[in-house]
Amino acid sequence: MQTWYYEVVSIDGDYANLRRTDIQSDERKLVARALLPAEINVGTKLKYEMFQYEVIG
């Protein structure tokens, strides 16, 4: 089981752009907001594990 960590860098309508924080990367991941916790905002830290996103710290 792998775990990835992200930060929400922007929200555009029904999608959010996420940036990996557990590795050095400038690549962005576009994710449908329906797959993310409802309370996300720009700057929210997320953990992705077992096909689910969870707000952390």
PDB file of N, CA and C in Angstrom:
ATOM      1  N   MET A   1       0.843  -1.168   0.000  1.00  0.00           N
ATOM      2  CA  MET A   1       0.000   0.000   0.000  1.00  0.00           C
ATOM      3  C   MET A   1       0.894   1.238   0.000  1.00  0.00           C
ATOM      4  N   GLN A   2       0.625   2.148  -0.917  1.00  0.00           N
ATOM      5  CA  GLN A   2       1.422   3.360  -0.998  1.00  0.00           C
ATOM      6  C   GLN A   2       0.615   4.559  -0.531  1.00  0.00           C
ATOM      7  N   THR A   3       1.321   5.557  -0.046  1.00  0.00           N
ATOM      8  CA  THR A   3       0.706   6.792   0.418  1.00  0.00           C
ATOM      9  C   THR A   3       1.384   7.961  -0.274  1.00  0.00           C
ATOM     10  N   TRP A   4       0.581   8.907  -0.771  1.00  0.00           N
ATOM     11  CA  TRP A   4       1.092  10.110  -1.401  1.00  0.00           C
ATOM     12  C   TRP A   4       0.527  11.317  -0.671  1.00  0.00           C
ATOM     13  N   TYR A   5       1.287  12.408  -0.671  1.00  0.00           N
ATOM     14  CA  TYR A   5       0.862  13.641  -0.011  1.00  0.00           C
ATOM     15  C   TYR A   5       0.786  14.761  -1.029  1.00  0.00           C
ATOM     16  N   TYR A   6      -0.270  15.554  -0.933  1.00  0.00           N
ATOM     17  CA  TYR A   6      -0.527  16.624  -1.889  1.00  0.00           C
ATOM     18  C   TYR A   6      -0.920  17.902  -1.174  1.00  0.00           C
ATOM     19  N   GLU A   7      -0.822  19.000  -1.915  1.00  0.00           N
ATOM     20  CA  GLU A   7      -1.347  20.289  -1.477  1.00  0.00           C
ATOM     21  C   GLU A   7      -2.215  20.836  -2.605  1.00  0.00           C
ATOM     22  N   VAL A   8      -3.364  21.386  -2.265  1.00  0.00           N
ATOM     23  CA  VAL A   8      -4.241  21.990  -3.261  1.00  0.00           C
ATOM     24  C   VAL A   8      -3.631  23.331  -3.664  1.00  0.00           C
ATOM     25  N   VAL A   9      -3.305  23.485  -4.948  1.00  0.00           N
ATOM     26  CA  VAL A   9      -2.688  24.730  -5.411  1.00  0.00           C
ATOM     27  C   VAL A   9      -3.680  25.651  -6.114  1.00  0.00           C
ATOM     28  N   SER A  10      -4.766  25.087  -6.640  1.00  0.00           N
ATOM     29  CA  SER A  10      -5.812  25.923  -7.231  1.00  0.00           C
ATOM     30  C   SER A  10      -7.082  25.096  -7.376  1.00  0.00           C
ATOM     31  N   ILE A  11      -8.191  25.816  -7.425  1.00  0.00           N
ATOM     32  CA  ILE A  11      -9.493  25.196  -7.637  1.00  0.00           C
ATOM     33  C   ILE A  11     -10.131  25.908  -8.815  1.00  0.00           C
ATOM     34  N   ASP A  12     -10.574  25.131  -9.786  1.00  0.00           N
ATOM     35  CA  ASP A  12     -11.180  25.683 -10.997  1.00  0.00           C
ATOM     36  C   ASP A  12     -12.492  24.956 -11.252  1.00  0.00           C
ATOM     37  N   GLY A  13     -13.580  25.515 -10.729  1.00  0.00           N
ATOM     38  CA  GLY A  13     -14.889  24.897 -10.912  1.00  0.00           C
ATOM     39  C   GLY A  13     -14.967  23.538 -10.235  1.00  0.00           C
ATOM     40  N   ASP A  14     -15.188  22.503 -11.029  1.00  0.00           N
ATOM     41  CA  ASP A  14     -15.352  21.148 -10.505  1.00  0.00           C
ATOM     42  C   ASP A  14     -14.042  20.385 -10.369  1.00  0.00           C
ATOM     43  N   TYR A  15     -12.918  21.067 -10.557  1.00  0.00           N
ATOM     44  CA  TYR A  15     -11.611  20.403 -10.501  1.00  0.00           C
ATOM     45  C   TYR A  15     -10.655  21.151  -9.590  1.00  0.00           C
ATOM     46  N   ALA A  16      -9.707  20.405  -9.041  1.00  0.00           N
ATOM     47  CA  ALA A  16      -8.655  20.998  -8.221  1.00  0.00           C
ATOM     48  C   ALA A  16      -7.309  20.540  -8.764  1.00  0.00           C
ATOM     49  N   ASN A  17      -6.335  21.430  -8.737  1.00  0.00           N
ATOM     50  CA  ASN A  17      -4.964  21.099  -9.110  1.00  0.00           C
ATOM     51  C   ASN A  17      -4.188  20.790  -7.842  1.00  0.00           C
ATOM     52  N   LEU A  18      -3.569  19.618  -7.813  1.00  0.00           N
ATOM     53  CA  LEU A  18      -2.802  19.182  -6.651  1.00  0.00           C
ATOM     54  C   LEU A  18      -1.328  19.095  -7.007  1.00  0.00           C
ATOM     55  N   ARG A  19      -0.477  19.398  -6.014  1.00  0.00           N
ATOM     56  CA  ARG A  19       0.976  19.290  -6.167  1.00  0.00           C
ATOM     57  C   ARG A  19       1.483  18.311  -5.120  1.00  0.00           C
ATOM     58  N   ARG A  20       2.313  17.366  -5.555  1.00  0.00           N
ATOM     59  CA  ARG A  20       2.904  16.409  -4.608  1.00  0.00           C
ATOM     60  C   ARG A  20       3.821  17.144  -3.655  1.00  0.00           C
ATOM     61  N   THR A  21       3.751  16.785  -2.381  1.00  0.00           N
ATOM     62  CA  THR A  21       4.622  17.402  -1.382  1.00  0.00           C
ATOM     63  C   THR A  21       5.595  16.408  -0.774  1.00  0.00           C
ATOM     64  N   ASP A  22       5.426  15.123  -1.059  1.00  0.00           N
ATOM     65  CA  ASP A  22       6.326  14.117  -0.493  1.00  0.00           C
ATOM     66  C   ASP A  22       7.548  13.870  -1.373  1.00  0.00           C
ATOM     67  N   ILE A  23       7.535  14.431  -2.584  1.00  0.00           N
ATOM     68  CA  ILE A  23       8.698  14.375  -3.469  1.00  0.00           C
ATOM     69  C   ILE A  23       8.873  15.747  -4.098  1.00  0.00           C
ATOM     70  N   GLN A  24      10.029  16.013  -4.646  1.00  0.00           N
ATOM     71  CA  GLN A  24      10.292  17.278  -5.338  1.00  0.00           C
ATOM     72  C   GLN A  24       9.719  17.182  -6.737  1.00  0.00           C
ATOM     73  N   SER A  25       8.643  17.925  -7.018  1.00  0.00           N
ATOM     74  CA  SER A  25       8.010  17.870  -8.332  1.00  0.00           C
ATOM     75  C   SER A  25       7.221  19.150  -8.580  1.00  0.00           C
ATOM     76  N   ASP A  26       7.289  19.657  -9.804  1.00  0.00           N
ATOM     77  CA  ASP A  26       6.484  20.811 -10.202  1.00  0.00           C
ATOM     78  C   ASP A  26       5.243  20.365 -10.973  1.00  0.00           C
ATOM     79  N   GLU A  27       5.110  19.067 -11.171  1.00  0.00           N
ATOM     80  CA  GLU A  27       3.984  18.519 -11.907  1.00  0.00           C
ATOM     81  C   GLU A  27       2.691  18.672 -11.105  1.00  0.00           C
ATOM     82  N   ARG A  28       1.596  18.973 -11.800  1.00  0.00           N
ATOM     83  CA  ARG A  28       0.292  19.137 -11.167  1.00  0.00           C
ATOM     84  C   ARG A  28      -0.613  17.977 -11.558  1.00  0.00           C
ATOM     85  N   LYS A  29      -1.515  17.620 -10.652  1.00  0.00           N
ATOM     86  CA  LYS A  29      -2.478  16.555 -10.902  1.00  0.00           C
ATOM     87  C   LYS A  29      -3.873  17.169 -10.848  1.00  0.00           C
ATOM     88  N   LEU A  30      -4.644  17.017 -11.914  1.00  0.00           N
ATOM     89  CA  LEU A  30      -5.995  17.538 -11.980  1.00  0.00           C
ATOM     90  C   LEU A  30      -6.949  16.463 -11.464  1.00  0.00           C
ATOM     91  N   VAL A  31      -7.719  16.805 -10.426  1.00  0.00           N
ATOM     92  CA  VAL A  31      -8.610  15.842  -9.779  1.00  0.00           C
ATOM     93  C   VAL A  31     -10.003  16.436  -9.669  1.00  0.00           C
ATOM     94  N   ALA A  32     -11.015  15.641  -9.978  1.00  0.00           N
ATOM     95  CA  ALA A  32     -12.404  16.089  -9.834  1.00  0.00           C
ATOM     96  C   ALA A  32     -12.696  16.333  -8.359  1.00  0.00           C
ATOM     97  N   ARG A  33     -13.341  17.447  -8.062  1.00  0.00           N
ATOM     98  CA  ARG A  33     -13.639  17.792  -6.663  1.00  0.00           C
ATOM     99  C   ARG A  33     -14.557  16.775  -6.017  1.00  0.00           C
ATOM    100  N   ALA A  34     -15.326  16.045  -6.796  1.00  0.00           N
ATOM    101  CA  ALA A  34     -16.208  15.011  -6.248  1.00  0.00           C
ATOM    102  C   ALA A  34     -15.407  13.905  -5.560  1.00  0.00           C
ATOM    103  N   LEU A  35     -14.131  13.760  -5.914  1.00  0.00           N
ATOM    104  CA  LEU A  35     -13.275  12.733  -5.311  1.00  0.00           C
ATOM    105  C   LEU A  35     -12.539  13.240  -4.078  1.00  0.00           C
ATOM    106  N   LEU A  36     -12.646  14.540  -3.801  1.00  0.00           N
ATOM    107  CA  LEU A  36     -11.919  15.170  -2.704  1.00  0.00           C
ATOM    108  C   LEU A  36     -12.863  15.505  -1.557  1.00  0.00           C
ATOM    109  N   PRO A  37     -12.318  15.659  -0.343  1.00  0.00           N
ATOM    110  CA  PRO A  37     -13.172  16.085   0.775  1.00  0.00           C
ATOM    111  C   PRO A  37     -13.814  17.441   0.465  1.00  0.00           C
ATOM    112  N   ALA A  38     -15.043  17.628   0.900  1.00  0.00           N
ATOM    113  CA  ALA A  38     -15.815  18.838   0.581  1.00  0.00           C
ATOM    114  C   ALA A  38     -15.190  20.107   1.127  1.00  0.00           C
ATOM    115  N   GLU A  39     -14.436  20.005   2.225  1.00  0.00           N
ATOM    116  CA  GLU A  39     -13.916  21.201   2.902  1.00  0.00           C
ATOM    117  C   GLU A  39     -12.587  21.716   2.355  1.00  0.00           C
ATOM    118  N   ILE A  40     -12.143  21.245   1.200  1.00  0.00           N
ATOM    119  CA  ILE A  40     -10.849  21.695   0.696  1.00  0.00           C
ATOM    120  C   ILE A  40     -10.883  23.148   0.258  1.00  0.00           C
ATOM    121  N   ASN A  41      -9.743  23.806   0.376  1.00  0.00           N
ATOM    122  CA  ASN A  41      -9.483  25.158  -0.121  1.00  0.00           C
ATOM    123  C   ASN A  41      -8.058  25.174  -0.641  1.00  0.00           C
ATOM    124  N   VAL A  42      -7.674  26.249  -1.311  1.00  0.00           N
ATOM    125  CA  VAL A  42      -6.287  26.397  -1.744  1.00  0.00           C
ATOM    126  C   VAL A  42      -5.400  26.360  -0.502  1.00  0.00           C
ATOM    127  N   GLY A  43      -4.361  25.524  -0.554  1.00  0.00           N
ATOM    128  CA  GLY A  43      -3.450  25.379   0.573  1.00  0.00           C
ATOM    129  C   GLY A  43      -3.738  24.176   1.446  1.00  0.00           C
ATOM    130  N   THR A  44      -4.892  23.525   1.262  1.00  0.00           N
ATOM    131  CA  THR A  44      -5.238  22.341   2.057  1.00  0.00           C
ATOM    132  C   THR A  44      -4.255  21.221   1.768  1.00  0.00           C
ATOM    133  N   LYS A  45      -3.796  20.557   2.807  1.00  0.00           N
ATOM    134  CA  LYS A  45      -2.891  19.408   2.678  1.00  0.00           C
ATOM    135  C   LYS A  45      -3.726  18.131   2.683  1.00  0.00           C
ATOM    136  N   LEU A  46      -3.389  17.216   1.771  1.00  0.00           N
ATOM    137  CA  LEU A  46      -4.133  15.979   1.615  1.00  0.00           C
ATOM    138  C   LEU A  46      -3.225  14.766   1.656  1.00  0.00           C
ATOM    139  N   LYS A  47      -3.768  13.667   2.125  1.00  0.00           N
ATOM    140  CA  LYS A  47      -3.097  12.369   2.062  1.00  0.00           C
ATOM    141  C   LYS A  47      -3.937  11.489   1.150  1.00  0.00           C
ATOM    142  N   TYR A  48      -3.287  10.797   0.207  1.00  0.00           N
ATOM    143  CA  TYR A  48      -3.970   9.885  -0.702  1.00  0.00           C
ATOM    144  C   TYR A  48      -3.506   8.481  -0.394  1.00  0.00           C
ATOM    145  N   GLU A  49      -4.452   7.645  -0.003  1.00  0.00           N
ATOM    146  CA  GLU A  49      -4.125   6.271   0.379  1.00  0.00           C
ATOM    147  C   GLU A  49      -5.354   5.405   0.131  1.00  0.00           C
ATOM    148  N   MET A  50      -5.148   4.250  -0.452  1.00  0.00           N
ATOM    149  CA  MET A  50      -6.224   3.299  -0.724  1.00  0.00           C
ATOM    150  C   MET A  50      -7.379   3.951  -1.493  1.00  0.00           C
ATOM    151  N   PHE A  51      -7.030   4.737  -2.533  1.00  0.00           N
ATOM    152  CA  PHE A  51      -7.979   5.378  -3.450  1.00  0.00           C
ATOM    153  C   PHE A  51      -8.865   6.426  -2.772  1.00  0.00           C
ATOM    154  N   GLN A  52      -8.404   6.984  -1.646  1.00  0.00           N
ATOM    155  CA  GLN A  52      -9.164   8.022  -0.950  1.00  0.00           C
ATOM    156  C   GLN A  52      -8.258   9.167  -0.558  1.00  0.00           C
ATOM    157  N   TYR A  53      -8.814  10.376  -0.633  1.00  0.00           N
ATOM    158  CA  TYR A  53      -8.122  11.578  -0.189  1.00  0.00           C
ATOM    159  C   TYR A  53      -8.635  11.947   1.198  1.00  0.00           C
ATOM    160  N   GLU A  54      -7.698  12.377   2.065  1.00  0.00           N
ATOM    161  CA  GLU A  54      -8.051  12.758   3.441  1.00  0.00           C
ATOM    162  C   GLU A  54      -7.312  14.045   3.788  1.00  0.00           C
ATOM    163  N   VAL A  55      -8.019  14.996   4.396  1.00  0.00           N
ATOM    164  CA  VAL A  55      -7.392  16.240   4.846  1.00  0.00           C
ATOM    165  C   VAL A  55      -6.496  15.928   6.033  1.00  0.00           C
ATOM    166  N   ILE A  56      -5.270  16.478   6.012  1.00  0.00           N
ATOM    167  CA  ILE A  56      -4.336  16.291   7.139  1.00  0.00           C
ATOM    168  C   ILE A  56      -3.891  17.641   7.657  1.00  0.00           C
ATOM    169  N   GLY A  57      -3.396  17.637   8.885  1.00  0.00           N
ATOM    170  CA  GLY A  57      -2.818  18.769   9.568  1.00  0.00           C
ATOM    171  C   GLY A  57      -3.169  20.080   9.068  1.00  0.00           C
TER     172      GLY A  57
END
